[in-house]
C-alpha cells in the first residue's frame, strides 16, 4: 500500500477486520436492501456503502469518527480514509 496518510499507514493489512455475516445489520433491522458492504477497521462495524439508500458506513464514521473502512466485496482490496478522503489499494 502506498503511504497516503497517517490513518492508512497505520492500517495493519495482515490483521484487517472482516465481515462474516455478509449483511448490513442496520438495513436488515429496517427491512431495506443494500448495494455493497464496508467494514470499519477500528471496531469491525459492517455498514452499507454510499450507493445504498441508508449509507450506514458513512453514518457510522460521522457518529464515531473511526477513520478507515475497507470493502467487504469479494475481490476488492481497498481502504478509504474518511478524514483525508484518500483511497488506497492493497
N, C-alpha and C. Protein backbone atom coordinates (compact mmCIF):
# COMPACT_ATOMS: atom_id res chain seq x y z
N UNK A 1 0.85 -1.17 0.00
CA UNK A 1 0.00 0.00 0.00
C UNK A 1 0.89 1.23 0.00
N UNK A 2 0.57 2.20 -0.79
CA UNK A 2 1.33 3.45 -0.84
C UNK A 2 1.08 4.26 0.43
N UNK A 3 2.08 5.01 0.85
CA UNK A 3 1.93 5.87 2.00
C UNK A 3 1.07 7.06 1.60
N UNK A 4 -0.10 7.19 2.20
CA UNK A 4 -1.03 8.23 1.81
C UNK A 4 -1.38 9.17 2.95
N UNK A 5 -1.60 8.65 4.11
CA UNK A 5 -1.94 9.46 5.28
C UNK A 5 -1.65 8.62 6.52
N UNK A 6 -1.65 9.25 7.66
CA UNK A 6 -1.34 8.53 8.91
C UNK A 6 -2.35 7.41 9.18
N UNK A 7 -3.62 7.64 8.85
CA UNK A 7 -4.65 6.62 9.12
C UNK A 7 -4.42 5.36 8.27
N UNK A 8 -4.14 5.56 6.99
CA UNK A 8 -3.93 4.42 6.11
C UNK A 8 -2.57 3.76 6.36
N UNK A 9 -1.57 4.55 6.71
CA UNK A 9 -0.26 4.00 7.01
C UNK A 9 -0.32 3.09 8.24
N UNK A 10 -1.18 3.44 9.19
CA UNK A 10 -1.30 2.66 10.43
C UNK A 10 -2.09 1.37 10.24
N UNK A 11 -2.76 1.22 9.11
CA UNK A 11 -3.57 0.04 8.85
C UNK A 11 -2.69 -1.20 8.74
N UNK A 12 -2.98 -2.22 9.52
CA UNK A 12 -2.23 -3.47 9.51
C UNK A 12 -2.93 -4.45 8.57
N UNK A 13 -2.45 -4.53 7.35
CA UNK A 13 -3.07 -5.36 6.31
C UNK A 13 -3.20 -6.82 6.74
N UNK A 14 -2.24 -7.31 7.50
CA UNK A 14 -2.27 -8.71 7.93
C UNK A 14 -3.37 -8.99 8.95
N UNK A 15 -3.90 -7.95 9.57
CA UNK A 15 -4.90 -8.14 10.63
C UNK A 15 -6.15 -7.30 10.39
N UNK A 16 -6.59 -7.23 9.15
CA UNK A 16 -7.80 -6.48 8.84
C UNK A 16 -9.02 -7.16 9.45
N UNK A 17 -9.98 -6.36 9.83
CA UNK A 17 -11.26 -6.90 10.29
C UNK A 17 -12.04 -7.34 9.05
N UNK A 18 -12.78 -8.44 9.18
CA UNK A 18 -13.53 -8.98 8.05
C UNK A 18 -15.00 -9.14 8.40
N UNK A 19 -15.82 -9.16 7.38
CA UNK A 19 -17.26 -9.38 7.51
C UNK A 19 -17.53 -10.87 7.46
N UNK A 20 -18.25 -11.38 8.44
CA UNK A 20 -18.55 -12.82 8.46
C UNK A 20 -20.00 -13.13 8.12
N UNK A 21 -20.90 -12.14 8.25
CA UNK A 21 -22.32 -12.39 8.01
C UNK A 21 -22.79 -11.92 6.65
N UNK A 22 -22.05 -11.01 6.01
CA UNK A 22 -22.38 -10.51 4.67
C UNK A 22 -23.75 -9.84 4.62
N UNK A 23 -24.06 -9.09 5.68
CA UNK A 23 -25.28 -8.30 5.73
C UNK A 23 -24.99 -6.96 6.40
N UNK A 24 -25.80 -5.99 6.09
CA UNK A 24 -25.78 -4.73 6.83
C UNK A 24 -26.85 -4.88 7.93
N UNK A 25 -26.44 -5.08 9.17
CA UNK A 25 -27.42 -5.33 10.23
C UNK A 25 -28.45 -4.21 10.39
N UNK A 26 -28.03 -2.97 10.17
CA UNK A 26 -28.96 -1.85 10.30
C UNK A 26 -30.00 -1.87 9.18
N UNK A 27 -29.59 -2.23 7.97
CA UNK A 27 -30.55 -2.37 6.86
C UNK A 27 -31.51 -3.53 7.13
N UNK A 28 -30.98 -4.64 7.64
CA UNK A 28 -31.83 -5.78 7.96
C UNK A 28 -32.91 -5.37 8.96
N UNK A 29 -32.51 -4.62 9.98
CA UNK A 29 -33.46 -4.17 11.00
C UNK A 29 -34.54 -3.26 10.41
N UNK A 30 -34.18 -2.50 9.37
CA UNK A 30 -35.13 -1.60 8.72
C UNK A 30 -35.94 -2.29 7.62
N UNK A 31 -35.54 -3.49 7.25
CA UNK A 31 -36.18 -4.19 6.14
C UNK A 31 -35.76 -3.66 4.79
N UNK A 32 -34.58 -3.01 4.74
CA UNK A 32 -34.07 -2.43 3.50
C UNK A 32 -32.98 -3.30 2.89
N UNK A 33 -32.68 -3.05 1.62
CA UNK A 33 -31.59 -3.71 0.92
C UNK A 33 -30.38 -2.79 0.88
N UNK A 34 -29.24 -3.33 0.48
CA UNK A 34 -28.01 -2.56 0.35
C UNK A 34 -27.34 -2.94 -0.94
N UNK A 35 -26.38 -2.13 -1.38
CA UNK A 35 -25.65 -2.39 -2.62
C UNK A 35 -24.35 -3.13 -2.31
N UNK A 36 -23.48 -2.52 -1.50
CA UNK A 36 -22.21 -3.13 -1.11
C UNK A 36 -21.98 -2.89 0.37
N UNK A 37 -21.09 -3.68 0.95
CA UNK A 37 -20.79 -3.55 2.38
C UNK A 37 -19.38 -3.02 2.60
N UNK A 38 -19.23 -2.27 3.69
CA UNK A 38 -17.95 -1.71 4.11
C UNK A 38 -17.70 -2.09 5.56
N UNK A 39 -16.42 -2.22 5.94
CA UNK A 39 -16.06 -2.64 7.29
C UNK A 39 -15.20 -1.57 7.94
N UNK A 40 -15.62 -1.12 9.11
CA UNK A 40 -14.82 -0.17 9.89
C UNK A 40 -13.61 -0.92 10.43
N UNK A 41 -12.43 -0.41 10.16
CA UNK A 41 -11.22 -1.11 10.60
C UNK A 41 -10.82 -0.78 12.03
N UNK A 42 -11.57 0.08 12.68
CA UNK A 42 -11.29 0.33 14.09
C UNK A 42 -12.11 -0.60 14.99
N UNK A 43 -13.39 -0.77 14.66
CA UNK A 43 -14.25 -1.55 15.55
C UNK A 43 -14.92 -2.75 14.89
N UNK A 44 -14.84 -2.87 13.56
CA UNK A 44 -15.44 -4.01 12.87
C UNK A 44 -16.89 -3.81 12.45
N UNK A 45 -17.44 -2.62 12.67
CA UNK A 45 -18.82 -2.34 12.26
C UNK A 45 -18.97 -2.58 10.76
N UNK A 46 -20.03 -3.28 10.38
CA UNK A 46 -20.33 -3.51 8.96
C UNK A 46 -21.50 -2.62 8.60
N UNK A 47 -21.32 -1.83 7.55
CA UNK A 47 -22.38 -0.94 7.10
C UNK A 47 -22.43 -0.90 5.59
N UNK A 48 -23.56 -0.43 5.09
CA UNK A 48 -23.74 -0.36 3.64
C UNK A 48 -23.04 0.87 3.07
N UNK A 49 -22.73 0.80 1.78
CA UNK A 49 -21.98 1.85 1.08
C UNK A 49 -22.85 3.06 0.76
N UNK A 50 -22.22 4.08 0.22
CA UNK A 50 -22.93 5.31 -0.13
C UNK A 50 -23.84 5.17 -1.34
N UNK A 51 -23.72 4.09 -2.10
CA UNK A 51 -24.66 3.82 -3.19
C UNK A 51 -25.95 3.19 -2.66
N UNK A 52 -25.94 2.79 -1.40
CA UNK A 52 -27.12 2.21 -0.75
C UNK A 52 -27.99 3.32 -0.20
N UNK A 53 -29.27 3.04 -0.02
CA UNK A 53 -30.23 4.02 0.47
C UNK A 53 -29.81 4.64 1.80
N UNK A 54 -29.34 3.83 2.73
CA UNK A 54 -29.12 4.30 4.10
C UNK A 54 -27.70 4.78 4.41
N UNK A 55 -26.72 4.39 3.60
CA UNK A 55 -25.33 4.87 3.79
C UNK A 55 -24.83 4.64 5.22
N UNK A 56 -25.04 3.45 5.75
CA UNK A 56 -24.70 3.18 7.15
C UNK A 56 -23.21 3.25 7.46
N UNK A 57 -22.34 2.92 6.51
CA UNK A 57 -20.90 3.01 6.78
C UNK A 57 -20.49 4.47 7.02
N UNK A 58 -20.96 5.38 6.19
CA UNK A 58 -20.64 6.80 6.37
C UNK A 58 -21.31 7.35 7.62
N UNK A 59 -22.53 6.94 7.90
CA UNK A 59 -23.20 7.38 9.14
C UNK A 59 -22.41 6.92 10.35
N UNK A 60 -21.85 5.72 10.29
CA UNK A 60 -21.01 5.22 11.38
C UNK A 60 -19.78 6.11 11.57
N UNK A 61 -19.15 6.50 10.47
CA UNK A 61 -18.00 7.40 10.58
C UNK A 61 -18.40 8.71 11.25
N UNK A 62 -19.50 9.31 10.83
CA UNK A 62 -19.92 10.59 11.41
C UNK A 62 -20.25 10.46 12.90
N UNK A 63 -20.77 9.31 13.30
CA UNK A 63 -21.12 9.10 14.70
C UNK A 63 -19.91 8.78 15.58
N UNK A 64 -18.91 8.11 15.00
CA UNK A 64 -17.79 7.61 15.81
C UNK A 64 -16.45 8.28 15.52
N UNK A 65 -16.31 8.84 14.32
CA UNK A 65 -15.05 9.39 13.82
C UNK A 65 -14.00 8.31 13.59
N UNK A 66 -14.39 7.05 13.49
CA UNK A 66 -13.46 5.97 13.12
C UNK A 66 -13.07 6.22 11.67
N UNK A 67 -11.78 6.37 11.37
CA UNK A 67 -11.37 6.94 10.09
C UNK A 67 -11.36 6.04 8.86
N UNK A 68 -11.13 4.73 9.02
CA UNK A 68 -10.85 3.90 7.84
C UNK A 68 -11.85 2.76 7.70
N UNK A 69 -12.34 2.61 6.46
CA UNK A 69 -13.16 1.45 6.10
C UNK A 69 -12.45 0.68 5.00
N UNK A 70 -12.82 -0.59 4.88
CA UNK A 70 -12.38 -1.39 3.75
C UNK A 70 -13.61 -2.00 3.08
N UNK A 71 -13.44 -2.41 1.85
CA UNK A 71 -14.53 -3.05 1.13
C UNK A 71 -14.72 -4.47 1.64
N UNK A 72 -15.97 -4.89 1.72
CA UNK A 72 -16.28 -6.28 2.07
C UNK A 72 -16.61 -7.09 0.83
N UNK A 73 -16.48 -6.48 -0.34
CA UNK A 73 -16.81 -7.17 -1.59
C UNK A 73 -15.71 -8.15 -1.97
N UNK A 74 -16.08 -9.38 -2.34
CA UNK A 74 -15.07 -10.35 -2.78
C UNK A 74 -14.25 -9.79 -3.94
N UNK A 75 -12.95 -9.93 -3.86
CA UNK A 75 -12.06 -9.49 -4.92
C UNK A 75 -11.64 -8.04 -4.83
N UNK A 76 -12.29 -7.25 -4.00
CA UNK A 76 -11.90 -5.85 -3.82
C UNK A 76 -10.95 -5.73 -2.64
N UNK A 77 -9.84 -5.03 -2.87
CA UNK A 77 -8.83 -4.86 -1.82
C UNK A 77 -8.45 -3.39 -1.76
N UNK A 78 -9.30 -2.61 -1.08
CA UNK A 78 -9.01 -1.20 -0.94
C UNK A 78 -9.48 -0.71 0.42
N UNK A 79 -8.90 0.40 0.83
CA UNK A 79 -9.27 1.07 2.08
C UNK A 79 -9.55 2.53 1.77
N UNK A 80 -10.47 3.11 2.50
CA UNK A 80 -10.83 4.52 2.34
C UNK A 80 -10.66 5.24 3.67
N UNK A 81 -9.98 6.36 3.63
CA UNK A 81 -9.82 7.21 4.81
C UNK A 81 -10.82 8.35 4.70
N UNK A 82 -11.79 8.39 5.61
CA UNK A 82 -12.79 9.47 5.57
C UNK A 82 -12.18 10.85 5.84
N UNK A 83 -11.40 11.05 6.92
CA UNK A 83 -10.92 12.40 7.19
C UNK A 83 -10.05 12.98 6.09
N UNK A 84 -9.20 12.16 5.48
CA UNK A 84 -8.29 12.65 4.45
C UNK A 84 -8.81 12.44 3.03
N UNK A 85 -9.97 11.77 2.92
CA UNK A 85 -10.60 11.48 1.63
C UNK A 85 -9.61 10.85 0.65
N UNK A 86 -8.97 9.79 1.12
CA UNK A 86 -7.97 9.09 0.31
C UNK A 86 -8.31 7.61 0.18
N UNK A 87 -8.04 7.07 -0.99
CA UNK A 87 -8.26 5.66 -1.28
C UNK A 87 -6.89 4.99 -1.46
N UNK A 88 -6.75 3.80 -0.91
CA UNK A 88 -5.53 3.03 -1.09
C UNK A 88 -5.89 1.60 -1.43
N UNK A 89 -5.25 1.06 -2.44
CA UNK A 89 -5.41 -0.35 -2.77
C UNK A 89 -4.31 -1.13 -2.08
N UNK A 90 -4.60 -2.36 -1.72
CA UNK A 90 -3.59 -3.19 -1.05
C UNK A 90 -3.61 -4.58 -1.60
